[in-house]
Amino acid sequence: MITLFSDENRAFASVMINLGHILGKFTSSSVFLSLNSVSWLNQHFFKDDERTTPLITNAGYLKFMSIFLMVFLFYLTFFVSEKVPSRKIKSYKEILKSIGYIL
C-alpha cells in the first residue's frame, strides 16, 4: 500500500497537485517559451550582440526535464520509505470493504 500523505495531512494532496500543475504551466509558458524565442532574447538581453539560436531548444528542455525526473524518481525509490500498513487484508471481502471505504 502506497501512502503519500498521512491521515491528518490528506487534505493537502489536492493542494500539492494543483501547485505542481501551476508550477509546470509557469515554467513551460513563461520561462521556456521566453528562452526559446530568439526575438524576445534579442529585445531583452542581447541588444548589442544579437543571437541567431535560442538559449533553450525543445530537445534541450525535454532532456533536462527527463534527467531531473529520473533523478527525483531514483531519490524517491531508494531514499524515501513507505509506511507499512498496520493490518493485513486477508480476504477478497475485506479488500472490497476497503475499496468501498475509500470511495
C-alpha atoms as a PDB file:
ATOM      1  CA  MET A   1       0.000   0.000   0.000  1.00  0.00           C
ATOM      2  CA  ILE A   2       1.482   3.330  -1.053  1.00  0.00           C
ATOM      3  CA  THR A   3       0.859   6.281   1.237  1.00  0.00           C
ATOM      4  CA  LEU A   4       1.886   9.748   0.142  1.00  0.00           C
ATOM      5  CA  PHE A   5       0.197  11.664   2.928  1.00  0.00           C
ATOM      6  CA  SER A   6      -0.596  10.667   6.474  1.00  0.00           C
ATOM      7  CA  ASP A   7      -4.235  10.695   7.518  1.00  0.00           C
ATOM      8  CA  GLU A   8      -4.002  14.079   9.213  1.00  0.00           C
ATOM      9  CA  ASN A   9      -2.375  15.677   6.121  1.00  0.00           C
ATOM     10  CA  ARG A  10      -4.527  14.028   3.463  1.00  0.00           C
ATOM     11  CA  ALA A  11      -6.342  17.297   2.743  1.00  0.00           C
ATOM     12  CA  PHE A  12      -3.091  18.753   1.369  1.00  0.00           C
ATOM     13  CA  ALA A  13      -2.995  16.229  -1.504  1.00  0.00           C
ATOM     14  CA  SER A  14      -5.182  18.280  -3.854  1.00  0.00           C
ATOM     15  CA  VAL A  15      -3.277  21.443  -2.933  1.00  0.00           C
ATOM     16  CA  MET A  16       0.047  19.802  -3.832  1.00  0.00           C
ATOM     17  CA  ILE A  17      -1.342  18.503  -7.144  1.00  0.00           C
ATOM     18  CA  ASN A  18      -2.620  21.969  -8.049  1.00  0.00           C
ATOM     19  CA  LEU A  19       0.689  23.536  -7.044  1.00  0.00           C
ATOM     20  CA  GLY A  20       2.528  21.102  -9.313  1.00  0.00           C
ATOM     21  CA  HIS A  21       0.252  21.956 -12.232  1.00  0.00           C
ATOM     22  CA  ILE A  22       0.682  25.697 -11.668  1.00  0.00           C
ATOM     23  CA  LEU A  23       4.480  25.436 -11.446  1.00  0.00           C
ATOM     24  CA  GLY A  24       4.585  23.253 -14.558  1.00  0.00           C
ATOM     25  CA  LYS A  25       2.487  25.700 -16.544  1.00  0.00           C
ATOM     26  CA  PHE A  26       4.600  28.623 -15.334  1.00  0.00           C
ATOM     27  CA  THR A  27       7.930  27.051 -16.258  1.00  0.00           C
ATOM     28  CA  SER A  28       6.631  25.904 -19.624  1.00  0.00           C
ATOM     29  CA  SER A  29       4.873  29.077 -20.684  1.00  0.00           C
ATOM     30  CA  SER A  30       6.903  31.829 -19.058  1.00  0.00           C
ATOM     31  CA  VAL A  31      10.440  30.525 -18.749  1.00  0.00           C
ATOM     32  CA  PHE A  32      10.753  28.029 -21.592  1.00  0.00           C
ATOM     33  CA  LEU A  33       8.883  29.991 -24.253  1.00  0.00           C
ATOM     34  CA  SER A  34      10.796  33.169 -23.428  1.00  0.00           C
ATOM     35  CA  LEU A  35      14.201  31.488 -23.564  1.00  0.00           C
ATOM     36  CA  ASN A  36      13.204  29.663 -26.756  1.00  0.00           C
ATOM     37  CA  SER A  37      12.227  32.872 -28.605  1.00  0.00           C
ATOM     38  CA  VAL A  38      15.193  34.424 -30.427  1.00  0.00           C
ATOM     39  CA  SER A  39      13.378  37.744 -30.999  1.00  0.00           C
ATOM     40  CA  TRP A  40      12.427  38.075 -27.302  1.00  0.00           C
ATOM     41  CA  LEU A  41      16.010  37.292 -26.242  1.00  0.00           C
ATOM     42  CA  ASN A  42      17.422  39.873 -28.658  1.00  0.00           C
ATOM     43  CA  GLN A  43      14.968  42.555 -27.437  1.00  0.00           C
ATOM     44  CA  HIS A  44      15.546  41.992 -23.728  1.00  0.00           C
ATOM     45  CA  PHE A  45      19.009  40.530 -23.139  1.00  0.00           C
ATOM     46  CA  PHE A  46      21.202  40.540 -26.246  1.00  0.00           C
ATOM     47  CA  LYS A  47      20.655  44.037 -27.680  1.00  0.00           C
ATOM     48  CA  ASP A  48      24.275  44.584 -28.716  1.00  0.00           C
ATOM     49  CA  ASP A  49      25.206  41.040 -29.747  1.00  0.00           C
ATOM     50  CA  GLU A  50      22.100  39.508 -31.328  1.00  0.00           C
ATOM     51  CA  ARG A  51      21.599  35.761 -31.173  1.00  0.00           C
ATOM     52  CA  THR A  52      20.504  33.542 -34.027  1.00  0.00           C
ATOM     53  CA  THR A  53      19.726  30.476 -31.882  1.00  0.00           C
ATOM     54  CA  PRO A  54      17.620  30.186 -28.723  1.00  0.00           C
ATOM     55  CA  LEU A  55      19.165  29.592 -25.312  1.00  0.00           C
ATOM     56  CA  ILE A  56      16.974  26.528 -24.724  1.00  0.00           C
ATOM     57  CA  THR A  57      15.711  24.296 -27.521  1.00  0.00           C
ATOM     58  CA  ASN A  58      12.807  21.880 -27.355  1.00  0.00           C
ATOM     59  CA  ALA A  59      15.171  18.913 -27.249  1.00  0.00           C
ATOM     60  CA  GLY A  60      17.305  20.515 -24.539  1.00  0.00           C
ATOM     61  CA  TYR A  61      14.272  21.274 -22.374  1.00  0.00           C
ATOM     62  CA  LEU A  62      12.977  17.707 -22.726  1.00  0.00           C
ATOM     63  CA  LYS A  63      16.401  16.257 -21.914  1.00  0.00           C
ATOM     64  CA  PHE A  64      16.741  18.447 -18.827  1.00  0.00           C
ATOM     65  CA  MET A  65      13.250  17.580 -17.567  1.00  0.00           C
ATOM     66  CA  SER A  66      13.710  13.849 -18.212  1.00  0.00           C
ATOM     67  CA  ILE A  67      17.042  13.786 -16.332  1.00  0.00           C
ATOM     68  CA  PHE A  68      15.540  15.812 -13.475  1.00  0.00           C
ATOM     69  CA  LEU A  69      12.555  13.458 -13.212  1.00  0.00           C
ATOM     70  CA  MET A  70      14.763  10.348 -13.345  1.00  0.00           C
ATOM     71  CA  VAL A  71      16.953  11.689 -10.523  1.00  0.00           C
ATOM     72  CA  PHE A  72      13.845  12.563  -8.499  1.00  0.00           C
ATOM     73  CA  LEU A  73      12.365   9.093  -9.109  1.00  0.00           C
ATOM     74  CA  PHE A  74      15.661   7.478  -8.082  1.00  0.00           C
ATOM     75  CA  TYR A  75      15.622   9.518  -4.875  1.00  0.00           C
ATOM     76  CA  LEU A  76      12.029   8.542  -4.101  1.00  0.00           C
ATOM     77  CA  THR A  77      12.669   4.888  -4.872  1.00  0.00           C
ATOM     78  CA  PHE A  78      15.787   4.401  -2.800  1.00  0.00           C
ATOM     79  CA  PHE A  79      15.739   7.057  -0.071  1.00  0.00           C
ATOM     80  CA  VAL A  80      12.084   7.594   0.881  1.00  0.00           C
ATOM     81  CA  SER A  81      10.466   4.769   2.796  1.00  0.00           C
ATOM     82  CA  GLU A  82       6.767   3.982   2.854  1.00  0.00           C
ATOM     83  CA  LYS A  83       4.735   3.199   5.916  1.00  0.00           C
ATOM     84  CA  VAL A  84       3.833  -0.435   6.393  1.00  0.00           C
ATOM     85  CA  PRO A  85       0.066  -0.893   6.757  1.00  0.00           C
ATOM     86  CA  SER A  86      -0.937  -1.666  10.324  1.00  0.00           C
ATOM     87  CA  ARG A  87      -3.255  -4.512   9.386  1.00  0.00           C
ATOM     88  CA  LYS A  88      -3.150  -7.095   6.635  1.00  0.00           C
ATOM     89  CA  ILE A  89      -6.160  -7.775   4.437  1.00  0.00           C
ATOM     90  CA  LYS A  90      -6.827 -11.489   4.336  1.00  0.00           C
ATOM     91  CA  SER A  91      -9.823 -11.975   2.043  1.00  0.00           C
ATOM     92  CA  TYR A  92     -11.440 -10.512  -1.046  1.00  0.00           C
ATOM     93  CA  LYS A  93     -14.388  -9.395   1.066  1.00  0.00           C
ATOM     94  CA  GLU A  94     -12.083  -7.220   3.175  1.00  0.00           C
ATOM     95  CA  ILE A  95     -10.477  -5.825   0.011  1.00  0.00           C
ATOM     96  CA  LEU A  96     -13.912  -4.820  -1.340  1.00  0.00           C
ATOM     97  CA  LYS A  97     -14.804  -3.275   2.020  1.00  0.00           C
ATOM     98  CA  SER A  98     -11.613  -1.207   1.991  1.00  0.00           C
ATOM     99  CA  ILE A  99     -12.310  -0.048  -1.598  1.00  0.00           C
ATOM    100  CA  GLY A 100     -15.847   0.894  -0.583  1.00  0.00           C
ATOM    101  CA  TYR A 101     -14.465   2.804   2.388  1.00  0.00           C
ATOM    102  CA  ILE A 102     -12.098   4.760   0.127  1.00  0.00           C
ATOM    103  CA  LEU A 103     -14.835   5.635  -2.362  1.00  0.00           C
END
